[in-house]
Amino acid sequence: MAAWCPGAPRQPVRIATFPELGSITTQELRMNRPAPKIMRRRFFGALGRAIHLTWPVLSTILVVQVALGLLIGLIEGWSIVDALYFTFITGLTIGYGDVVPRQALARVLAIGIGVSGLFLTGVVAAIAVHAMRTALTDSDD
């Protein structure tokens, strides 16, 4: 097989074969893909619409997390800053371990922060996937 030279035309390369569609070349794949600027505009537009639609759910999860964190801080005798720090470190499931609840009730409430953090992460991931799918399938007609 000869090496490709910078001035020579490239031959389309078959990258996949599908029984229903036949084979797809790299050239065909590039022809069907929108420009990056259009993709960004579609993605961020869909992202904004999805966040607007799910904002009541997102804000409710955040309020529940903050309320649980402040309650844990009250039970443990922490400052408000430490309680909020613990809330977001636990809600993002990072858990450094520098601020740890000692009381049994506070530990049970911390589980609630962790579970709600998983829900929040799932909703944010679903929003991003929806926005990308919308950006890839929408047309600018």
N, C-alpha and C. Protein backbone atom coordinates (compact mmCIF):
# COMPACT_ATOMS: atom_id res chain seq x y z
N MET A 1 0.85 -1.18 0.00
CA MET A 1 0.00 0.00 0.00
C MET A 1 0.89 1.24 0.00
N ALA A 2 0.61 2.17 -0.88
CA ALA A 2 1.43 3.38 -1.01
C ALA A 2 1.10 4.37 0.10
N ALA A 3 2.11 5.14 0.48
CA ALA A 3 1.91 6.16 1.50
C ALA A 3 1.16 7.34 0.90
N TRP A 4 0.40 8.03 1.72
CA TRP A 4 -0.37 9.17 1.26
C TRP A 4 0.54 10.39 1.21
N CYS A 5 0.49 11.16 0.13
CA CYS A 5 1.28 12.37 -0.03
C CYS A 5 0.37 13.57 0.21
N PRO A 6 0.91 14.66 0.78
CA PRO A 6 0.07 15.83 1.09
C PRO A 6 -0.71 16.40 -0.08
N GLY A 7 -0.21 16.31 -1.31
CA GLY A 7 -0.93 16.87 -2.45
C GLY A 7 -1.91 15.92 -3.10
N ALA A 8 -1.83 14.67 -2.77
CA ALA A 8 -2.68 13.65 -3.41
C ALA A 8 -4.07 13.65 -2.81
N PRO A 9 -5.10 13.37 -3.64
CA PRO A 9 -6.46 13.29 -3.09
C PRO A 9 -6.60 12.05 -2.21
N ARG A 10 -7.34 12.19 -1.15
CA ARG A 10 -7.57 11.07 -0.24
C ARG A 10 -8.69 10.19 -0.77
N GLN A 11 -8.53 8.92 -0.58
CA GLN A 11 -9.57 7.98 -0.94
C GLN A 11 -10.50 7.80 0.25
N PRO A 12 -11.82 7.73 0.03
CA PRO A 12 -12.73 7.49 1.16
C PRO A 12 -12.42 6.13 1.80
N VAL A 13 -12.44 6.09 3.10
CA VAL A 13 -12.17 4.88 3.85
C VAL A 13 -13.48 4.36 4.41
N ARG A 14 -13.77 3.08 4.17
CA ARG A 14 -14.99 2.48 4.72
C ARG A 14 -14.76 2.25 6.21
N ILE A 15 -15.60 2.87 7.05
CA ILE A 15 -15.40 2.74 8.50
C ILE A 15 -16.39 1.79 9.14
N ALA A 16 -17.52 1.54 8.50
CA ALA A 16 -18.51 0.65 9.09
C ALA A 16 -19.39 0.08 8.00
N THR A 17 -19.90 -1.11 8.24
CA THR A 17 -20.84 -1.74 7.33
C THR A 17 -22.07 -2.15 8.13
N PHE A 18 -23.21 -1.67 7.69
CA PHE A 18 -24.47 -2.00 8.34
C PHE A 18 -25.33 -2.77 7.36
N PRO A 19 -25.93 -3.91 7.76
CA PRO A 19 -26.74 -4.69 6.82
C PRO A 19 -27.88 -3.89 6.20
N GLU A 20 -28.50 -3.00 6.99
CA GLU A 20 -29.64 -2.25 6.48
C GLU A 20 -29.22 -1.07 5.61
N LEU A 21 -28.08 -0.47 5.93
CA LEU A 21 -27.69 0.77 5.28
C LEU A 21 -26.54 0.62 4.31
N GLY A 22 -25.82 -0.47 4.35
CA GLY A 22 -24.62 -0.61 3.54
C GLY A 22 -23.44 -0.08 4.33
N SER A 23 -22.35 0.23 3.64
CA SER A 23 -21.16 0.72 4.33
C SER A 23 -21.14 2.25 4.32
N ILE A 24 -20.46 2.82 5.30
CA ILE A 24 -20.37 4.27 5.44
C ILE A 24 -18.89 4.64 5.34
N THR A 25 -18.58 5.66 4.54
CA THR A 25 -17.20 6.12 4.41
C THR A 25 -16.98 7.33 5.31
N THR A 26 -15.71 7.64 5.55
CA THR A 26 -15.38 8.82 6.36
C THR A 26 -15.87 10.08 5.68
N GLN A 27 -15.82 10.12 4.36
CA GLN A 27 -16.28 11.30 3.62
C GLN A 27 -17.79 11.49 3.82
N GLU A 28 -18.55 10.41 3.73
CA GLU A 28 -20.00 10.50 3.94
C GLU A 28 -20.32 10.93 5.36
N LEU A 29 -19.54 10.45 6.31
CA LEU A 29 -19.76 10.81 7.70
C LEU A 29 -19.54 12.30 7.91
N ARG A 30 -18.48 12.85 7.31
CA ARG A 30 -18.21 14.29 7.43
C ARG A 30 -19.29 15.12 6.74
N MET A 31 -19.83 14.64 5.64
CA MET A 31 -20.84 15.39 4.90
C MET A 31 -22.14 15.52 5.70
N ASN A 32 -22.46 14.54 6.52
CA ASN A 32 -23.72 14.55 7.27
C ASN A 32 -23.61 15.27 8.61
N ARG A 33 -22.43 15.67 9.00
CA ARG A 33 -22.23 16.30 10.30
C ARG A 33 -22.32 17.82 10.17
N PRO A 34 -23.11 18.48 11.03
CA PRO A 34 -23.20 19.94 10.96
C PRO A 34 -21.90 20.59 11.45
N ALA A 35 -21.74 21.86 11.12
CA ALA A 35 -20.56 22.61 11.53
C ALA A 35 -20.52 22.74 13.05
N PRO A 36 -19.31 22.83 13.63
CA PRO A 36 -19.20 22.94 15.09
C PRO A 36 -19.95 24.13 15.68
N LYS A 37 -19.96 25.25 14.98
CA LYS A 37 -20.67 26.44 15.48
C LYS A 37 -22.17 26.17 15.59
N ILE A 38 -22.71 25.49 14.58
CA ILE A 38 -24.14 25.16 14.60
C ILE A 38 -24.43 24.16 15.71
N MET A 39 -23.54 23.18 15.87
CA MET A 39 -23.71 22.19 16.94
C MET A 39 -23.72 22.85 18.32
N ARG A 40 -22.78 23.77 18.54
CA ARG A 40 -22.73 24.46 19.84
C ARG A 40 -24.01 25.25 20.09
N ARG A 41 -24.48 25.95 19.05
CA ARG A 41 -25.71 26.74 19.20
C ARG A 41 -26.89 25.84 19.52
N ARG A 42 -27.00 24.73 18.82
CA ARG A 42 -28.09 23.79 19.09
C ARG A 42 -27.98 23.19 20.49
N PHE A 43 -26.75 22.79 20.85
CA PHE A 43 -26.54 22.18 22.17
C PHE A 43 -26.91 23.13 23.29
N PHE A 44 -26.36 24.35 23.26
CA PHE A 44 -26.63 25.28 24.35
C PHE A 44 -28.08 25.74 24.36
N GLY A 45 -28.72 25.84 23.20
CA GLY A 45 -30.14 26.16 23.17
C GLY A 45 -30.97 25.06 23.81
N ALA A 46 -30.67 23.80 23.45
CA ALA A 46 -31.38 22.67 24.04
C ALA A 46 -31.08 22.55 25.53
N LEU A 47 -29.84 22.83 25.92
CA LEU A 47 -29.46 22.78 27.33
C LEU A 47 -30.24 23.82 28.14
N GLY A 48 -30.34 25.02 27.62
CA GLY A 48 -31.10 26.07 28.30
C GLY A 48 -32.58 25.72 28.45
N ARG A 49 -33.16 25.17 27.38
CA ARG A 49 -34.58 24.78 27.44
C ARG A 49 -34.78 23.64 28.45
N ALA A 50 -33.86 22.68 28.48
CA ALA A 50 -34.00 21.55 29.40
C ALA A 50 -33.82 22.00 30.85
N ILE A 51 -32.87 22.89 31.11
CA ILE A 51 -32.69 23.40 32.48
C ILE A 51 -33.92 24.19 32.90
N HIS A 52 -34.46 24.99 31.98
CA HIS A 52 -35.67 25.76 32.29
C HIS A 52 -36.82 24.82 32.64
N LEU A 53 -36.93 23.74 31.89
CA LEU A 53 -38.02 22.79 32.12
C LEU A 53 -37.84 22.03 33.44
N THR A 54 -36.62 21.66 33.77
CA THR A 54 -36.38 20.85 34.97
C THR A 54 -35.97 21.67 36.18
N TRP A 55 -35.97 22.99 36.07
CA TRP A 55 -35.53 23.82 37.19
C TRP A 55 -36.30 23.55 38.49
N PRO A 56 -37.60 23.33 38.48
CA PRO A 56 -38.28 23.03 39.74
C PRO A 56 -37.71 21.78 40.43
N VAL A 57 -37.37 20.77 39.66
CA VAL A 57 -36.80 19.55 40.23
C VAL A 57 -35.40 19.82 40.76
N LEU A 58 -34.57 20.50 39.94
CA LEU A 58 -33.20 20.80 40.36
C LEU A 58 -33.17 21.65 41.62
N SER A 59 -33.99 22.69 41.64
CA SER A 59 -33.98 23.58 42.80
C SER A 59 -34.53 22.89 44.05
N THR A 60 -35.50 22.01 43.88
CA THR A 60 -36.03 21.28 45.03
C THR A 60 -34.97 20.37 45.63
N ILE A 61 -34.23 19.67 44.77
CA ILE A 61 -33.16 18.80 45.27
C ILE A 61 -32.11 19.63 46.01
N LEU A 62 -31.73 20.77 45.45
CA LEU A 62 -30.74 21.63 46.11
C LEU A 62 -31.23 22.16 47.45
N VAL A 63 -32.49 22.57 47.50
CA VAL A 63 -33.06 23.08 48.76
C VAL A 63 -33.10 21.98 49.82
N VAL A 64 -33.47 20.76 49.42
CA VAL A 64 -33.49 19.63 50.36
C VAL A 64 -32.08 19.37 50.88
N GLN A 65 -31.10 19.39 49.99
CA GLN A 65 -29.72 19.16 50.42
C GLN A 65 -29.26 20.22 51.41
N VAL A 66 -29.50 21.48 51.10
CA VAL A 66 -29.07 22.56 51.99
C VAL A 66 -29.79 22.47 53.33
N ALA A 67 -31.09 22.19 53.31
CA ALA A 67 -31.84 22.07 54.57
C ALA A 67 -31.30 20.93 55.42
N LEU A 68 -31.04 19.78 54.81
CA LEU A 68 -30.47 18.65 55.55
C LEU A 68 -29.09 19.00 56.09
N GLY A 69 -28.29 19.67 55.28
CA GLY A 69 -26.95 20.05 55.72
C GLY A 69 -26.97 21.02 56.89
N LEU A 70 -27.87 22.00 56.83
CA LEU A 70 -27.98 22.95 57.94
C LEU A 70 -28.50 22.27 59.20
N LEU A 71 -29.41 21.32 59.05
CA LEU A 71 -29.90 20.56 60.20
C LEU A 71 -28.78 19.72 60.82
N ILE A 72 -27.98 19.10 59.97
CA ILE A 72 -26.83 18.34 60.47
C ILE A 72 -25.86 19.27 61.19
N GLY A 73 -25.61 20.44 60.62
CA GLY A 73 -24.73 21.42 61.25
C GLY A 73 -25.26 21.85 62.61
N LEU A 74 -26.57 22.01 62.73
CA LEU A 74 -27.18 22.38 64.01
C LEU A 74 -27.01 21.26 65.03
N ILE A 75 -27.24 20.02 64.60
CA ILE A 75 -27.10 18.87 65.50
C ILE A 75 -25.65 18.72 65.96
N GLU A 76 -24.71 18.91 65.04
CA GLU A 76 -23.29 18.70 65.35
C GLU A 76 -22.62 19.92 65.96
N GLY A 77 -23.27 21.08 65.90
CA GLY A 77 -22.67 22.30 66.44
C GLY A 77 -21.64 22.93 65.51
N TRP A 78 -21.79 22.71 64.21
CA TRP A 78 -20.87 23.28 63.24
C TRP A 78 -21.29 24.70 62.87
N SER A 79 -20.36 25.44 62.26
CA SER A 79 -20.71 26.76 61.72
C SER A 79 -21.53 26.54 60.44
N ILE A 80 -22.17 27.60 59.98
CA ILE A 80 -22.97 27.51 58.75
C ILE A 80 -22.08 27.18 57.55
N VAL A 81 -20.89 27.77 57.54
CA VAL A 81 -19.96 27.50 56.43
C VAL A 81 -19.56 26.03 56.41
N ASP A 82 -19.24 25.46 57.58
CA ASP A 82 -18.88 24.04 57.64
C ASP A 82 -20.06 23.16 57.24
N ALA A 83 -21.26 23.53 57.65
CA ALA A 83 -22.44 22.75 57.30
C ALA A 83 -22.69 22.76 55.79
N LEU A 84 -22.56 23.93 55.16
CA LEU A 84 -22.74 24.02 53.71
C LEU A 84 -21.62 23.30 52.96
N TYR A 85 -20.40 23.42 53.48
CA TYR A 85 -19.27 22.70 52.89
C TYR A 85 -19.53 21.19 52.94
N PHE A 86 -19.94 20.70 54.09
CA PHE A 86 -20.24 19.28 54.23
C PHE A 86 -21.37 18.86 53.28
N THR A 87 -22.38 19.72 53.15
CA THR A 87 -23.51 19.41 52.29
C THR A 87 -23.07 19.20 50.84
N PHE A 88 -22.29 20.11 50.32
CA PHE A 88 -21.92 20.00 48.91
C PHE A 88 -20.85 18.94 48.67
N ILE A 89 -19.96 18.73 49.61
CA ILE A 89 -18.97 17.66 49.46
C ILE A 89 -19.67 16.30 49.52
N THR A 90 -20.65 16.17 50.39
CA THR A 90 -21.39 14.91 50.47
C THR A 90 -22.34 14.76 49.29
N GLY A 91 -23.03 15.83 48.90
CA GLY A 91 -23.97 15.77 47.80
C GLY A 91 -23.31 15.46 46.47
N LEU A 92 -22.09 15.90 46.29
CA LEU A 92 -21.35 15.58 45.07
C LEU A 92 -20.64 14.23 45.19
N THR A 93 -20.87 13.54 46.27
CA THR A 93 -20.32 12.21 46.59
C THR A 93 -18.79 12.21 46.56
N ILE A 94 -18.18 13.30 46.98
CA ILE A 94 -16.72 13.37 47.08
C ILE A 94 -16.28 12.81 48.42
N GLY A 95 -16.80 13.40 49.51
CA GLY A 95 -16.54 12.90 50.85
C GLY A 95 -15.08 12.90 51.26
N TYR A 96 -14.51 14.06 51.47
CA TYR A 96 -13.11 14.16 51.89
C TYR A 96 -12.87 13.54 53.26
N GLY A 97 -13.83 13.64 54.16
CA GLY A 97 -13.67 13.08 55.49
C GLY A 97 -13.11 14.04 56.51
N ASP A 98 -12.93 15.31 56.12
CA ASP A 98 -12.42 16.28 57.09
C ASP A 98 -13.51 16.81 58.01
N VAL A 99 -14.76 16.81 57.56
CA VAL A 99 -15.91 17.18 58.40
C VAL A 99 -16.83 15.97 58.38
N VAL A 100 -17.02 15.35 59.55
CA VAL A 100 -17.77 14.10 59.63
C VAL A 100 -18.80 14.21 60.75
N PRO A 101 -20.05 13.82 60.49
CA PRO A 101 -21.04 13.83 61.57
C PRO A 101 -20.76 12.69 62.57
N ARG A 102 -20.95 12.98 63.85
CA ARG A 102 -20.70 11.99 64.90
C ARG A 102 -22.00 11.42 65.48
N GLN A 103 -23.07 12.20 65.47
CA GLN A 103 -24.35 11.77 66.02
C GLN A 103 -25.05 10.82 65.04
N ALA A 104 -25.79 9.87 65.59
CA ALA A 104 -26.49 8.88 64.75
C ALA A 104 -27.52 9.55 63.84
N LEU A 105 -28.30 10.49 64.37
CA LEU A 105 -29.31 11.18 63.56
C LEU A 105 -28.65 11.97 62.43
N ALA A 106 -27.54 12.61 62.72
CA ALA A 106 -26.83 13.38 61.70
C ALA A 106 -26.30 12.46 60.60
N ARG A 107 -25.87 11.28 60.96
CA ARG A 107 -25.38 10.33 59.95
C ARG A 107 -26.51 9.85 59.04
N VAL A 108 -27.68 9.63 59.63
CA VAL A 108 -28.84 9.22 58.82
C VAL A 108 -29.22 10.35 57.86
N LEU A 109 -29.20 11.58 58.33
CA LEU A 109 -29.51 12.72 57.46
C LEU A 109 -28.45 12.88 56.37
N ALA A 110 -27.20 12.55 56.68
CA ALA A 110 -26.13 12.62 55.68
C ALA A 110 -26.38 11.63 54.54
N ILE A 111 -26.97 10.49 54.88
CA ILE A 111 -27.33 9.53 53.83
C ILE A 111 -28.35 10.17 52.89
N GLY A 112 -29.28 10.93 53.44
CA GLY A 112 -30.26 11.65 52.60
C GLY A 112 -29.59 12.64 51.68
N ILE A 113 -28.54 13.32 52.15
CA ILE A 113 -27.80 14.25 51.29
C ILE A 113 -27.11 13.48 50.16
N GLY A 114 -26.53 12.34 50.49
CA GLY A 114 -25.84 11.54 49.47
C GLY A 114 -26.80 11.02 48.41
N VAL A 115 -27.93 10.51 48.84
CA VAL A 115 -28.91 9.97 47.88
C VAL A 115 -29.47 11.10 47.00
N SER A 116 -29.77 12.24 47.61
CA SER A 116 -30.28 13.35 46.80
C SER A 116 -29.19 13.87 45.86
N GLY A 117 -27.93 13.75 46.25
CA GLY A 117 -26.83 14.11 45.36
C GLY A 117 -26.76 13.20 44.15
N LEU A 118 -27.04 11.92 44.36
CA LEU A 118 -27.09 10.99 43.23
C LEU A 118 -28.23 11.34 42.29
N PHE A 119 -29.38 11.70 42.84
CA PHE A 119 -30.51 12.13 42.00
C PHE A 119 -30.14 13.38 41.19
N LEU A 120 -29.51 14.33 41.86
CA LEU A 120 -29.11 15.57 41.19
C LEU A 120 -28.13 15.28 40.06
N THR A 121 -27.16 14.42 40.31
CA THR A 121 -26.19 14.06 39.28
C THR A 121 -26.88 13.37 38.11
N GLY A 122 -27.84 12.50 38.40
CA GLY A 122 -28.58 11.83 37.34
C GLY A 122 -29.39 12.78 36.49
N VAL A 123 -30.03 13.75 37.13
CA VAL A 123 -30.83 14.72 36.37
C VAL A 123 -29.92 15.58 35.49
N VAL A 124 -28.79 16.02 36.02
CA VAL A 124 -27.86 16.84 35.24
C VAL A 124 -27.30 16.04 34.06
N ALA A 125 -26.96 14.78 34.28
CA ALA A 125 -26.46 13.94 33.19
C ALA A 125 -27.55 13.73 32.13
N ALA A 126 -28.77 13.51 32.56
CA ALA A 126 -29.87 13.32 31.62
C ALA A 126 -30.11 14.58 30.79
N ILE A 127 -30.00 15.73 31.42
CA ILE A 127 -30.16 17.00 30.70
C ILE A 127 -29.08 17.14 29.63
N ALA A 128 -27.84 16.82 29.98
CA ALA A 128 -26.73 16.93 29.02
C ALA A 128 -26.90 15.96 27.86
N VAL A 129 -27.32 14.74 28.15
CA VAL A 129 -27.54 13.76 27.08
C VAL A 129 -28.68 14.20 26.18
N HIS A 130 -29.75 14.70 26.77
CA HIS A 130 -30.88 15.19 25.97
C HIS A 130 -30.44 16.35 25.07
N ALA A 131 -29.66 17.28 25.62
CA ALA A 131 -29.21 18.42 24.82
C ALA A 131 -28.31 17.97 23.68
N MET A 132 -27.44 17.00 23.92
CA MET A 132 -26.57 16.52 22.84
C MET A 132 -27.38 15.78 21.78
N ARG A 133 -28.31 14.96 22.21
CA ARG A 133 -29.14 14.25 21.25
C ARG A 133 -29.96 15.23 20.41
N THR A 134 -30.49 16.25 21.05
CA THR A 134 -31.25 17.27 20.34
C THR A 134 -30.36 18.02 19.35
N ALA A 135 -29.13 18.34 19.78
CA ALA A 135 -28.22 19.05 18.89
C ALA A 135 -27.84 18.21 17.67
N LEU A 136 -27.75 16.91 17.85
CA LEU A 136 -27.37 16.05 16.74
C LEU A 136 -28.52 15.75 15.78
N THR A 137 -29.76 15.82 16.26
CA THR A 137 -30.90 15.45 15.42
C THR A 137 -31.71 16.61 14.90
N ASP A 138 -31.59 17.80 15.48
CA ASP A 138 -32.36 18.95 15.02
C ASP A 138 -31.85 19.45 13.68
N SER A 139 -32.76 20.10 12.95
CA SER A 139 -32.36 20.77 11.71
C SER A 139 -32.71 22.24 11.85
N ASP A 140 -32.03 23.07 11.08
CA ASP A 140 -32.23 24.53 11.16
C ASP A 140 -33.18 25.03 10.09
N ASP A 141 -34.23 24.31 9.83
CA ASP A 141 -35.19 24.72 8.78
C ASP A 141 -36.06 25.87 9.24
